[in-house]
C-alpha atoms as a PDB file:
ATOM      1  CA  MET A   1      -0.016   0.138   0.063  1.00  0.00           C
ATOM      2  CA  ALA A   2       1.414   3.536  -0.967  1.00  0.00           C
ATOM      3  CA  THR A   3       1.937   5.939   1.705  1.00  0.00           C
ATOM      4  CA  VAL A   4       3.224   9.427   1.679  1.00  0.00           C
ATOM      5  CA  THR A   5       4.210  11.155   5.124  1.00  0.00           C
ATOM      6  CA  PRO A   6       2.056  14.293   5.893  1.00  0.00           C
ATOM      7  CA  ARG A   7       4.139  17.375   6.856  1.00  0.00           C
ATOM      8  CA  GLU A   8       1.317  19.289   8.701  1.00  0.00           C
ATOM      9  CA  LYS A   9       2.129  21.265  11.663  1.00  0.00           C
ATOM     10  CA  TYR A  10      -0.323  22.521  14.205  1.00  0.00           C
ATOM     11  CA  LEU A  11      -0.858  25.815  15.910  1.00  0.00           C
ATOM     12  CA  ASP A  12      -3.195  26.281  18.923  1.00  0.00           C
ATOM     13  CA  LEU A  13      -5.390  29.426  18.192  1.00  0.00           C
ATOM     14  CA  PRO A  14      -6.696  31.815  21.004  1.00  0.00           C
ATOM     15  CA  ASP A  15     -10.216  30.462  20.784  1.00  0.00           C
ATOM     16  CA  GLY A  16      -9.147  27.004  21.555  1.00  0.00           C
ATOM     17  CA  ARG A  17      -9.337  25.758  18.128  1.00  0.00           C
ATOM     18  CA  THR A  18      -6.265  24.430  15.890  1.00  0.00           C
ATOM     19  CA  ILE A  19      -5.096  25.508  12.623  1.00  0.00           C
ATOM     20  CA  ALA A  20      -2.945  22.968  10.574  1.00  0.00           C
ATOM     21  CA  TYR A  21      -0.254  24.112   8.136  1.00  0.00           C
ATOM     22  CA  ASP A  22       2.818  23.486   6.248  1.00  0.00           C
ATOM     23  CA  HIS A  23       5.570  26.005   5.355  1.00  0.00           C
ATOM     24  CA  SER A  24       8.847  26.218   3.899  1.00  0.00           C
ATOM     25  CA  GLY A  25      11.822  28.885   3.378  1.00  0.00           C
ATOM     26  CA  ASN A  26      13.079  31.431   5.698  1.00  0.00           C
ATOM     27  CA  THR A  27      10.942  32.198   8.679  1.00  0.00           C
ATOM     28  CA  SER A  28      12.659  35.607   9.037  1.00  0.00           C
ATOM     29  CA  SER A  29      11.757  36.887   5.712  1.00  0.00           C
ATOM     30  CA  MET A  30       9.696  39.811   5.200  1.00  0.00           C
ATOM     31  CA  THR A  31       8.283  38.451   1.860  1.00  0.00           C
ATOM     32  CA  ILE A  32       5.718  36.140   2.726  1.00  0.00           C
ATOM     33  CA  VAL A  33       3.442  33.949   0.323  1.00  0.00           C
ATOM     34  CA  ILE A  34       0.143  32.421   1.428  1.00  0.00           C
ATOM     35  CA  PHE A  35      -1.229  29.639  -0.779  1.00  0.00           C
ATOM     36  CA  PHE A  36      -4.814  28.238   0.096  1.00  0.00           C
ATOM     37  CA  HIS A  37      -5.545  24.933  -1.196  1.00  0.00           C
ATOM     38  CA  GLY A  38      -8.678  23.590  -2.977  1.00  0.00           C
ATOM     39  CA  MET A  39     -11.296  21.030  -2.086  1.00  0.00           C
ATOM     40  CA  PHE A  40     -10.022  17.588  -0.809  1.00  0.00           C
ATOM     41  CA  SER A  41      -6.363  18.842   0.015  1.00  0.00           C
ATOM     42  CA  ILE A  42      -4.203  20.095   2.865  1.00  0.00           C
ATOM     43  CA  GLY A  43      -1.778  22.636   3.332  1.00  0.00           C
ATOM     44  CA  ASP A  44       1.476  21.320   1.336  1.00  0.00           C
ATOM     45  CA  ALA A  45       4.631  23.583   0.859  1.00  0.00           C
ATOM     46  CA  ILE A  46       6.967  20.702  -0.167  1.00  0.00           C
ATOM     47  CA  ARG A  47       7.536  21.958  -3.627  1.00  0.00           C
ATOM     48  CA  PRO A  48       8.032  25.765  -3.656  1.00  0.00           C
ATOM     49  CA  PRO A  49       8.531  27.491  -6.916  1.00  0.00           C
ATOM     50  CA  PRO A  50      12.334  28.167  -7.682  1.00  0.00           C
ATOM     51  CA  ILE A  51      11.478  32.004  -7.513  1.00  0.00           C
ATOM     52  CA  PHE A  52      10.633  31.513  -3.775  1.00  0.00           C
ATOM     53  CA  LEU A  53      14.015  30.311  -2.988  1.00  0.00           C
ATOM     54  CA  GLU A  54      15.741  33.108  -5.065  1.00  0.00           C
ATOM     55  CA  ARG A  55      13.700  35.853  -3.061  1.00  0.00           C
ATOM     56  CA  ASP A  56      14.129  34.270   0.000  1.00  0.00           C
ATOM     57  CA  VAL A  57      10.437  33.740   0.651  1.00  0.00           C
ATOM     58  CA  HIS A  58       8.648  32.322   3.663  1.00  0.00           C
ATOM     59  CA  TYR A  59       6.072  30.130   2.158  1.00  0.00           C
ATOM     60  CA  ILE A  60       3.103  29.192   4.081  1.00  0.00           C
ATOM     61  CA  THR A  61       0.190  26.877   3.212  1.00  0.00           C
ATOM     62  CA  PRO A  62      -2.633  26.609   5.722  1.00  0.00           C
ATOM     63  CA  THR A  63      -5.069  24.023   5.877  1.00  0.00           C
ATOM     64  CA  LEU A  64      -8.461  25.337   5.552  1.00  0.00           C
ATOM     65  CA  PRO A  65     -10.892  25.247   8.287  1.00  0.00           C
ATOM     66  CA  GLY A  66     -12.810  22.031   8.508  1.00  0.00           C
ATOM     67  CA  TRP A  67     -10.325  20.273   6.226  1.00  0.00           C
ATOM     68  CA  GLY A  68      -7.425  17.819   7.375  1.00  0.00           C
ATOM     69  CA  LYS A  69      -6.696  18.647  11.173  1.00  0.00           C
ATOM     70  CA  SER A  70      -7.840  22.356  11.112  1.00  0.00           C
ATOM     71  CA  SER A  71     -10.802  22.823  13.261  1.00  0.00           C
ATOM     72  CA  PRO A  72     -13.963  23.979  11.758  1.00  0.00           C
ATOM     73  CA  GLY A  73     -14.538  27.713  11.804  1.00  0.00           C
ATOM     74  CA  PRO A  74     -16.199  29.152  15.002  1.00  0.00           C
ATOM     75  CA  ALA A  75     -20.098  28.814  14.903  1.00  0.00           C
ATOM     76  CA  ASP A  76     -20.715  32.186  15.922  1.00  0.00           C
ATOM     77  CA  THR A  77     -18.420  33.921  13.188  1.00  0.00           C
ATOM     78  CA  SER A  78     -18.685  34.339   9.634  1.00  0.00           C
ATOM     79  CA  TYR A  79     -16.460  32.216   7.305  1.00  0.00           C
ATOM     80  CA  TYR A  80     -14.328  35.370   6.159  1.00  0.00           C
ATOM     81  CA  GLU A  81     -13.909  36.816   9.648  1.00  0.00           C
ATOM     82  CA  GLY A  82     -12.825  33.527  10.935  1.00  0.00           C
ATOM     83  CA  LEU A  83     -10.415  32.886   8.266  1.00  0.00           C
ATOM     84  CA  ALA A  84      -9.013  36.300   8.924  1.00  0.00           C
ATOM     85  CA  LYS A  85      -8.500  35.648  12.642  1.00  0.00           C
ATOM     86  CA  ASP A  86      -6.995  32.320  12.129  1.00  0.00           C
ATOM     87  CA  ILE A  87      -4.375  33.802   9.357  1.00  0.00           C
ATOM     88  CA  THR A  88      -3.428  36.681  11.572  1.00  0.00           C
ATOM     89  CA  ALA A  89      -2.743  34.215  14.473  1.00  0.00           C
ATOM     90  CA  LEU A  90      -0.654  32.257  12.134  1.00  0.00           C
ATOM     91  CA  LEU A  91       1.449  34.940  10.738  1.00  0.00           C
ATOM     92  CA  ALA A  92       1.805  36.674  14.200  1.00  0.00           C
ATOM     93  CA  HIS A  93       3.041  33.291  15.217  1.00  0.00           C
ATOM     94  CA  PHE A  94       5.991  33.278  12.698  1.00  0.00           C
ATOM     95  CA  HIS A  95       6.103  37.015  12.078  1.00  0.00           C
ATOM     96  CA  PRO A  96       5.071  38.982  15.250  1.00  0.00           C
ATOM     97  CA  GLY A  97       6.983  42.153  13.641  1.00  0.00           C
ATOM     98  CA  CYS A  98       4.443  41.911  10.870  1.00  0.00           C
ATOM     99  CA  LEU A  99       1.375  42.579  12.887  1.00  0.00           C
ATOM    100  CA  ALA A 100       3.512  45.416  14.651  1.00  0.00           C
ATOM    101  CA  ALA A 101       4.093  46.905  11.399  1.00  0.00           C
ATOM    102  CA  ALA A 102       0.751  46.817  10.517  1.00  0.00           C
ATOM    103  CA  GLU A 103      -0.401  48.781  13.641  1.00  0.00           C
ATOM    104  CA  HIS A 104       2.581  51.228  13.371  1.00  0.00           C
ATOM    105  CA  PRO A 105       3.591  51.463   9.803  1.00  0.00           C
ATOM    106  CA  GLU A 106       5.456  54.659  10.410  1.00  0.00           C
ATOM    107  CA  VAL A 107       8.083  52.852  12.881  1.00  0.00           C
ATOM    108  CA  TYR A 108       8.662  49.407  11.204  1.00  0.00           C
ATOM    109  CA  SER A 109       9.962  48.049   8.001  1.00  0.00           C
ATOM    110  CA  THR A 110       7.556  47.166   5.387  1.00  0.00           C
ATOM    111  CA  TYR A 111       6.688  43.435   4.735  1.00  0.00           C
ATOM    112  CA  LYS A 112       5.236  42.068   1.483  1.00  0.00           C
ATOM    113  CA  ILE A 113       2.489  39.531   1.608  1.00  0.00           C
ATOM    114  CA  TYR A 114       1.419  37.886  -1.530  1.00  0.00           C
ATOM    115  CA  ILE A 115      -2.047  36.010  -1.428  1.00  0.00           C
ATOM    116  CA  SER A 116      -2.698  33.075  -3.778  1.00  0.00           C
ATOM    117  CA  GLY A 117      -5.107  30.302  -3.983  1.00  0.00           C
ATOM    118  CA  GLY A 118      -6.285  27.448  -6.484  1.00  0.00           C
ATOM    119  CA  SER A 119      -9.944  26.342  -7.363  1.00  0.00           C
ATOM    120  CA  PHE A 120     -11.906  26.428  -3.993  1.00  0.00           C
ATOM    121  CA  GLY A 121      -8.639  28.035  -2.272  1.00  0.00           C
ATOM    122  CA  THR A 122      -9.302  31.296  -4.456  1.00  0.00           C
ATOM    123  CA  VAL A 123     -12.273  31.894  -2.337  1.00  0.00           C
ATOM    124  CA  PRO A 124     -10.359  32.395   0.832  1.00  0.00           C
ATOM    125  CA  ALA A 125      -7.546  34.203  -1.008  1.00  0.00           C
ATOM    126  CA  GLN A 126     -10.304  36.708  -2.397  1.00  0.00           C
ATOM    127  CA  MET A 127     -11.608  37.053   1.219  1.00  0.00           C
ATOM    128  CA  LEU A 128      -8.367  38.090   2.361  1.00  0.00           C
ATOM    129  CA  PHE A 129      -7.203  40.112  -0.661  1.00  0.00           C
ATOM    130  CA  ASN A 130     -10.261  42.328  -0.504  1.00  0.00           C
ATOM    131  CA  ALA A 131     -10.712  42.462   3.376  1.00  0.00           C
ATOM    132  CA  PRO A 132     -10.528  46.013   4.981  1.00  0.00           C
ATOM    133  CA  LYS A 133      -7.929  46.424   7.687  1.00  0.00           C
ATOM    134  CA  HIS A 134     -10.517  46.077  10.597  1.00  0.00           C
ATOM    135  CA  VAL A 135     -11.049  42.683   9.569  1.00  0.00           C
ATOM    136  CA  PHE A 136      -7.623  41.452   8.543  1.00  0.00           C
ATOM    137  CA  PRO A 137      -5.036  43.983  10.136  1.00  0.00           C
ATOM    138  CA  LEU A 138      -2.256  42.596   7.773  1.00  0.00           C
ATOM    139  CA  SER A 139      -4.181  43.792   4.659  1.00  0.00           C
ATOM    140  CA  ARG A 140      -1.724  46.852   4.336  1.00  0.00           C
ATOM    141  CA  HIS A 141       1.093  44.524   3.628  1.00  0.00           C
ATOM    142  CA  ILE A 142      -0.747  42.592   0.718  1.00  0.00           C
ATOM    143  CA  VAL A 143       0.995  43.684  -2.470  1.00  0.00           C
ATOM    144  CA  ALA A 144      -0.313  41.150  -5.012  1.00  0.00           C
ATOM    145  CA  CYS A 145      -2.567  38.313  -5.572  1.00  0.00           C
ATOM    146  CA  LEU A 146      -2.684  35.146  -7.579  1.00  0.00           C
ATOM    147  CA  LEU A 147      -5.951  33.098  -8.331  1.00  0.00           C
ATOM    148  CA  LEU A 148      -5.358  29.885 -10.211  1.00  0.00           C
ATOM    149  CA  SER A 149      -8.777  28.312 -11.996  1.00  0.00           C
ATOM    150  CA  PRO A 150     -10.647  30.783  -9.836  1.00  0.00           C
ATOM    151  CA  ILE A 151     -14.337  30.815  -8.423  1.00  0.00           C
ATOM    152  CA  SER A 152     -16.455  34.038  -8.687  1.00  0.00           C
ATOM    153  CA  PRO A 153     -18.516  35.114  -5.812  1.00  0.00           C
ATOM    154  CA  PHE A 154     -21.788  33.631  -6.344  1.00  0.00           C
ATOM    155  CA  LYS A 155     -23.725  36.103  -4.548  1.00  0.00           C
ATOM    156  CA  TYR A 156     -22.778  38.614  -7.079  1.00  0.00           C
ATOM    157  CA  HIS A 157     -22.146  36.756 -10.282  1.00  0.00           C
ATOM    158  CA  LYS A 158     -25.702  35.984 -11.053  1.00  0.00           C
ATOM    159  CA  ASP A 159     -24.754  33.748 -14.106  1.00  0.00           C
ATOM    160  CA  TYR A 160     -22.361  31.658 -12.203  1.00  0.00           C
ATOM    161  CA  ALA A 161     -24.436  28.292 -12.766  1.00  0.00           C
ATOM    162  CA  LYS A 162     -24.727  28.648 -16.366  1.00  0.00           C
ATOM    163  CA  ALA A 163     -21.491  26.913 -17.251  1.00  0.00           C
ATOM    164  CA  MET A 164     -21.390  24.512 -14.282  1.00  0.00           C
ATOM    165  CA  THR A 165     -21.150  20.718 -14.928  1.00  0.00           C
ATOM    166  CA  TRP A 166     -24.301  18.712 -13.819  1.00  0.00           C
ATOM    167  CA  GLY A 167     -22.080  17.234 -10.949  1.00  0.00           C
ATOM    168  CA  ASN A 168     -21.135  20.978  -9.723  1.00  0.00           C
ATOM    169  CA  TYR A 169     -24.600  22.182 -10.237  1.00  0.00           C
ATOM    170  CA  ILE A 170     -26.121  19.663  -7.854  1.00  0.00           C
ATOM    171  CA  LEU A 171     -23.356  19.723  -5.583  1.00  0.00           C
ATOM    172  CA  ALA A 172     -22.786  23.527  -5.259  1.00  0.00           C
ATOM    173  CA  GLY A 173     -25.349  25.142  -7.573  1.00  0.00           C
ATOM    174  CA  PRO A 174     -29.006  26.551  -6.847  1.00  0.00           C
ATOM    175  CA  VAL A 175     -29.982  22.791  -6.195  1.00  0.00           C
ATOM    176  CA  ALA A 176     -27.901  22.468  -3.351  1.00  0.00           C
ATOM    177  CA  ARG A 177     -29.110  25.679  -1.626  1.00  0.00           C
ATOM    178  CA  ARG A 178     -32.687  24.624  -2.013  1.00  0.00           C
ATOM    179  CA  ILE A 179     -32.413  21.054  -0.319  1.00  0.00           C
ATOM    180  CA  PRO A 180     -32.529  21.390   3.397  1.00  0.00           C
ATOM    181  CA  PHE A 181     -30.269  19.905   6.118  1.00  0.00           C
ATOM    182  CA  GLY A 182     -27.267  19.740   3.751  1.00  0.00           C
ATOM    183  CA  LEU A 183     -28.846  16.488   2.247  1.00  0.00           C
ATOM    184  CA  VAL A 184     -26.916  16.671  -1.010  1.00  0.00           C
ATOM    185  CA  GLN A 185     -23.415  17.079   0.671  1.00  0.00           C
ATOM    186  CA  ARG A 186     -24.466  14.084   3.021  1.00  0.00           C
ATOM    187  CA  LEU A 187     -25.275  11.962   0.335  1.00  0.00           C
ATOM    188  CA  SER A 188     -22.313  13.011  -1.733  1.00  0.00           C
ATOM    189  CA  SER A 189     -19.934  12.475   1.246  1.00  0.00           C
ATOM    190  CA  ILE A 190     -20.850   8.708   1.526  1.00  0.00           C
ATOM    191  CA  VAL A 191     -20.030   8.164  -2.359  1.00  0.00           C
ATOM    192  CA  ILE A 192     -16.775  10.134  -2.196  1.00  0.00           C
ATOM    193  CA  ALA A 193     -15.651   8.429   1.306  1.00  0.00           C
ATOM    194  CA  HIS A 194     -15.461   5.095  -0.498  1.00  0.00           C
ATOM    195  CA  LYS A 195     -13.144   6.735  -3.328  1.00  0.00           C
ATOM    196  CA  LEU A 196     -10.880   8.342  -0.710  1.00  0.00           C
ATOM    197  CA  LYS A 197     -10.511   5.553   1.761  1.00  0.00           C
ATOM    198  CA  ASN A 198      -6.917   4.911   0.831  1.00  0.00           C
ATOM    199  CA  VAL A 199      -4.216   6.362  -1.135  1.00  0.00           C
ATOM    200  CA  GLU A 200      -4.661   3.738  -4.140  1.00  0.00           C
ATOM    201  CA  ASN A 201      -8.428   4.659  -4.397  1.00  0.00           C
ATOM    202  CA  ALA A 202      -7.808   8.282  -4.277  1.00  0.00           C
ATOM    203  CA  GLU A 203      -5.209   8.130  -7.095  1.00  0.00           C
ATOM    204  CA  LYS A 204      -7.503   6.281  -9.156  1.00  0.00           C
ATOM    205  CA  PHE A 205     -10.467   8.798  -8.340  1.00  0.00           C
ATOM    206  CA  MET A 206      -8.169  11.706  -9.136  1.00  0.00           C
ATOM    207  CA  ARG A 207      -6.946  10.306 -12.413  1.00  0.00           C
ATOM    208  CA  GLU A 208     -10.562   9.755 -13.441  1.00  0.00           C
ATOM    209  CA  LEU A 209     -11.534  13.186 -12.644  1.00  0.00           C
ATOM    210  CA  VAL A 210      -8.345  15.157 -13.942  1.00  0.00           C
ATOM    211  CA  PHE A 211      -5.376  13.561 -15.300  1.00  0.00           C
ATOM    212  CA  ASN A 212      -7.248  11.328 -17.819  1.00  0.00           C
ATOM    213  CA  HIS A 213      -8.616  14.429 -19.297  1.00  0.00           C
ATOM    214  CA  ILE A 214      -5.029  15.925 -20.213  1.00  0.00           C
ATOM    215  CA  GLY A 215      -4.607  16.374 -23.840  1.00  0.00           C
ATOM    216  CA  GLU A 216      -1.261  15.425 -25.849  1.00  0.00           C
ATOM    217  CA  GLY A 217      -0.132  19.085 -25.722  1.00  0.00           C
ATOM    218  CA  GLU A 218      -0.640  19.450 -22.023  1.00  0.00           C
ATOM    219  CA  LYS A 219       1.057  15.934 -21.197  1.00  0.00           C
ATOM    220  CA  LEU A 220       4.062  17.178 -22.932  1.00  0.00           C
ATOM    221  CA  LEU A 221       4.032  20.327 -20.891  1.00  0.00           C
ATOM    222  CA  PHE A 222       3.448  18.164 -17.776  1.00  0.00           C
ATOM    223  CA  ASP A 223       6.344  15.704 -18.630  1.00  0.00           C
ATOM    224  CA  ASN A 224       8.856  18.576 -18.929  1.00  0.00           C
ATOM    225  CA  TRP A 225       7.628  20.137 -15.927  1.00  0.00           C
ATOM    226  CA  LYS A 226       8.191  16.889 -13.972  1.00  0.00           C
ATOM    227  CA  THR A 227      11.827  16.685 -15.400  1.00  0.00           C
ATOM    228  CA  GLN A 228      12.508  20.334 -14.289  1.00  0.00           C
ATOM    229  CA  ARG A 229      11.188  19.570 -10.857  1.00  0.00           C
ATOM    230  CA  GLY A 230      13.064  16.233 -10.656  1.00  0.00           C
ATOM    231  CA  LEU A 231       9.740  14.141 -10.181  1.00  0.00           C
ATOM    232  CA  ASN A 232       9.478  10.655 -11.064  1.00  0.00           C
ATOM    233  CA  GLU A 233       6.455   9.267 -12.732  1.00  0.00           C
ATOM    234  CA  GLY A 234       3.364   9.038 -10.465  1.00  0.00           C
ATOM    235  CA  ASP A 235       5.144  11.177  -7.702  1.00  0.00           C
ATOM    236  CA  LEU A 236       2.959  14.143  -8.047  1.00  0.00           C
ATOM    237  CA  GLU A 237      -0.262  11.963  -8.461  1.00  0.00           C
ATOM    238  CA  ARG A 238       0.443   9.883  -5.441  1.00  0.00           C
ATOM    239  CA  ARG A 239       1.201  13.248  -3.190  1.00  0.00           C
ATOM    240  CA  MET A 240      -1.977  14.727  -4.221  1.00  0.00           C
ATOM    241  CA  ALA A 241      -3.726  11.691  -3.530  1.00  0.00           C
ATOM    242  CA  SER A 242      -2.442  11.212  -0.085  1.00  0.00           C
ATOM    243  CA  ASN A 243      -3.455  15.054   0.565  1.00  0.00           C
ATOM    244  CA  MET A 244      -7.069  14.202  -0.601  1.00  0.00           C
ATOM    245  CA  VAL A 245      -7.214  11.130   1.879  1.00  0.00           C
ATOM    246  CA  GLU A 246      -5.675  13.419   4.733  1.00  0.00           C
ATOM    247  CA  SER A 247      -8.442  16.115   4.165  1.00  0.00           C
ATOM    248  CA  VAL A 248     -11.067  14.036   5.131  1.00  0.00           C
ATOM    249  CA  ARG A 249      -9.644  11.283   7.548  1.00  0.00           C
ATOM    250  CA  THR A 250     -10.846  12.719  10.519  1.00  0.00           C
ATOM    251  CA  GLN A 251     -13.630  15.067   9.696  1.00  0.00           C
ATOM    252  CA  TRP A 252     -16.042  16.058   6.508  1.00  0.00           C
ATOM    253  CA  ASP A 253     -16.865  19.684   8.186  1.00  0.00           C
ATOM    254  CA  GLY A 254     -14.975  21.570   5.259  1.00  0.00           C
ATOM    255  CA  PHE A 255     -16.711  19.433   2.661  1.00  0.00           C
ATOM    256  CA  MET A 256     -20.425  19.824   4.270  1.00  0.00           C
ATOM    257  CA  GLY A 257     -19.908  23.747   4.431  1.00  0.00           C
ATOM    258  CA  ILE A 258     -18.854  24.373   0.662  1.00  0.00           C
ATOM    259  CA  THR A 259     -22.126  25.395  -0.548  1.00  0.00           C
ATOM    260  CA  ASP A 260     -22.606  27.753   2.371  1.00  0.00           C
ATOM    261  CA  VAL A 261     -19.189  29.459   1.725  1.00  0.00           C
ATOM    262  CA  LEU A 262     -19.486  29.689  -2.085  1.00  0.00           C
ATOM    263  CA  HIS A 263     -22.988  31.347  -1.740  1.00  0.00           C
ATOM    264  CA  GLY A 264     -22.295  33.317   1.379  1.00  0.00           C
ATOM    265  CA  ASP A 265     -20.655  36.664   2.285  1.00  0.00           C
ATOM    266  CA  TRP A 266     -17.299  36.881   1.387  1.00  0.00           C
ATOM    267  CA  GLY A 267     -16.683  40.004   3.305  1.00  0.00           C
ATOM    268  CA  PHE A 268     -16.792  42.604   0.415  1.00  0.00           C
ATOM    269  CA  LYS A 269     -18.953  44.111  -2.177  1.00  0.00           C
ATOM    270  CA  VAL A 270     -18.008  44.541  -5.835  1.00  0.00           C
ATOM    271  CA  GLU A 271     -17.438  48.257  -5.791  1.00  0.00           C
ATOM    272  CA  GLU A 272     -15.054  47.501  -2.893  1.00  0.00           C
ATOM    273  CA  MET A 273     -12.912  45.184  -4.655  1.00  0.00           C
ATOM    274  CA  SER A 274      -9.032  45.603  -4.323  1.00  0.00           C
ATOM    275  CA  ASN A 275      -7.168  47.665  -6.708  1.00  0.00           C
ATOM    276  CA  LYS A 276      -3.910  46.096  -6.056  1.00  0.00           C
ATOM    277  CA  PRO A 277      -2.705  43.665  -8.851  1.00  0.00           C
ATOM    278  CA  VAL A 278      -4.161  40.453  -9.142  1.00  0.00           C
ATOM    279  CA  MET A 279      -3.387  37.720 -11.524  1.00  0.00           C
ATOM    280  CA  ILE A 280      -6.258  35.509 -12.752  1.00  0.00           C
ATOM    281  CA  VAL A 281      -5.029  32.226 -14.452  1.00  0.00           C
ATOM    282  CA  TYR A 282      -7.717  30.168 -16.010  1.00  0.00           C
ATOM    283  CA  ALA A 283      -7.959  27.527 -18.661  1.00  0.00           C
ATOM    284  CA  LYS A 284      -9.827  27.418 -21.871  1.00  0.00           C
ATOM    285  CA  ASP A 285     -11.229  24.026 -21.431  1.00  0.00           C
ATOM    286  CA  ASP A 286     -11.784  23.718 -17.696  1.00  0.00           C
ATOM    287  CA  ARG A 287     -14.821  21.992 -16.709  1.00  0.00           C
ATOM    288  CA  MET A 288     -14.432  22.527 -12.789  1.00  0.00           C
ATOM    289  CA  ALA A 289     -13.765  26.149 -12.728  1.00  0.00           C
ATOM    290  CA  PRO A 290     -15.443  27.335 -16.000  1.00  0.00           C
ATOM    291  CA  PRO A 291     -13.729  30.471 -18.081  1.00  0.00           C
ATOM    292  CA  SER A 292     -16.767  32.456 -17.420  1.00  0.00           C
ATOM    293  CA  TRP A 293     -16.085  32.563 -13.627  1.00  0.00           C
ATOM    294  CA  ALA A 294     -12.440  33.859 -14.335  1.00  0.00           C
ATOM    295  CA  GLU A 295     -13.798  36.376 -16.964  1.00  0.00           C
ATOM    296  CA  TRP A 296     -16.261  37.836 -14.525  1.00  0.00           C
ATOM    297  CA  LEU A 297     -13.371  38.449 -11.990  1.00  0.00           C
ATOM    298  CA  VAL A 298     -11.318  39.938 -14.911  1.00  0.00           C
ATOM    299  CA  GLU A 299     -14.056  42.325 -15.747  1.00  0.00           C
ATOM    300  CA  LYS A 300     -14.543  43.310 -12.175  1.00  0.00           C
ATOM    301  CA  TYR A 301     -11.307  43.521 -10.513  1.00  0.00           C
ATOM    302  CA  PRO A 302      -9.750  47.062 -11.233  1.00  0.00           C
ATOM    303  CA  ASN A 303      -6.180  45.853 -11.713  1.00  0.00           C
ATOM    304  CA  ALA A 304      -6.774  42.342 -13.070  1.00  0.00           C
ATOM    305  CA  ARG A 305      -4.006  40.674 -14.940  1.00  0.00           C
ATOM    306  CA  PRO A 306      -5.545  37.813 -17.123  1.00  0.00           C
ATOM    307  CA  LYS A 307      -3.729  34.567 -18.256  1.00  0.00           C
ATOM    308  CA  LEU A 308      -5.607  32.237 -20.449  1.00  0.00           C
ATOM    309  CA  LEU A 309      -4.046  29.111 -21.028  1.00  0.00           C
ATOM    310  CA  GLU A 310      -4.718  25.879 -23.320  1.00  0.00           C
ATOM    311  CA  GLY A 311      -5.950  22.746 -21.370  1.00  0.00           C
ATOM    312  CA  GLY A 312      -8.093  21.966 -18.344  1.00  0.00           C
ATOM    313  CA  HIS A 313      -8.376  22.542 -14.539  1.00  0.00           C
ATOM    314  CA  ILE A 314      -4.835  21.977 -13.320  1.00  0.00           C
ATOM    315  CA  SER A 315      -3.043  23.261 -16.678  1.00  0.00           C
ATOM    316  CA  GLY A 316      -1.837  26.189 -14.664  1.00  0.00           C
ATOM    317  CA  LEU A 317       0.631  23.973 -12.693  1.00  0.00           C
ATOM    318  CA  TRP A 318       2.776  23.062 -15.655  1.00  0.00           C
ATOM    319  CA  SER A 319       3.498  27.089 -15.834  1.00  0.00           C
ATOM    320  CA  ILE A 320       3.398  27.833 -12.275  1.00  0.00           C
ATOM    321  CA  ASP A 321       7.068  28.625 -11.900  1.00  0.00           C
ATOM    322  CA  SER A 322       7.112  31.228 -14.640  1.00  0.00           C
ATOM    323  CA  THR A 323       3.528  32.443 -13.327  1.00  0.00           C
ATOM    324  CA  TRP A 324       5.061  33.287  -9.870  1.00  0.00           C
ATOM    325  CA  GLU A 325       7.925  35.086 -11.502  1.00  0.00           C
ATOM    326  CA  GLU A 326       5.476  37.311 -13.122  1.00  0.00           C
ATOM    327  CA  VAL A 327       3.452  37.748  -9.992  1.00  0.00           C
ATOM    328  CA  MET A 328       6.402  38.852  -7.627  1.00  0.00           C
ATOM    329  CA  LYS A 329       7.199  41.484 -10.252  1.00  0.00           C
ATOM    330  CA  LEU A 330       3.738  43.096  -9.595  1.00  0.00           C
ATOM    331  CA  GLY A 331       4.756  44.164  -6.052  1.00  0.00           C
END
């Protein structure tokens, strides 16, 4: 049986909850990159882009509330407010000067924070990127944002469901909102749990969902990227499958709350969207995060930098190194 050792670390939060995370790089650096994972994953910083090493970056990958071993969000707090408090605590743990600099910018040197996320992770990324200072005190340090295969805020994007696959429409679209007691998610979790009971099953599930749909052109780019990163055949797939298993090994709270998060309050209005640079990377044939979602974001963000790729949902991975080089030139 294949096994991959998780790298999760844990921080006790002021309210008694726990946030799991992974990180790499220089913990004394004043350049910080935060990356939020997508559905059925956990924080994993094992393969930072080369530019992070060149720029002496501290790379932090939190595990989102209710996934892996991160506690569910507090019941009496909105998702975006709870997220902001958790990430503030995590950054203060490593970079106490970062919080002090946010409170006294005239005294302390300037930190740089890059916010990023992939797929569902673009939701928390946008929550922090657009958060006002009273919600996320460290927002003044944010210099740029990277959104990979992004999701638009359903609360404002009225046509979000038009490009959804039937599976996503039922799981997270209008249907899921109308059926009470989270019945759609509960039934879905029973089916998915079997597919994620071990790494072998998870890898098969992931290949059926994503990798088997990669075209010949994408496969060539994938092979080149693996060679550049020194990865053997199957290394990436097994790592991703292991993270999928770990994401729901102890709880399903994160999955059960997906629909509420997607349709809920992200903490900002369209007219309040940040004017800092945001790179929006999306793929022409993405079925899971359709291009129309990214195009809506490109239209709404005042300083959007779109990057359209050939291929499907994870095509942004093959060019992630050059993409991060572009992003780090923005701020």
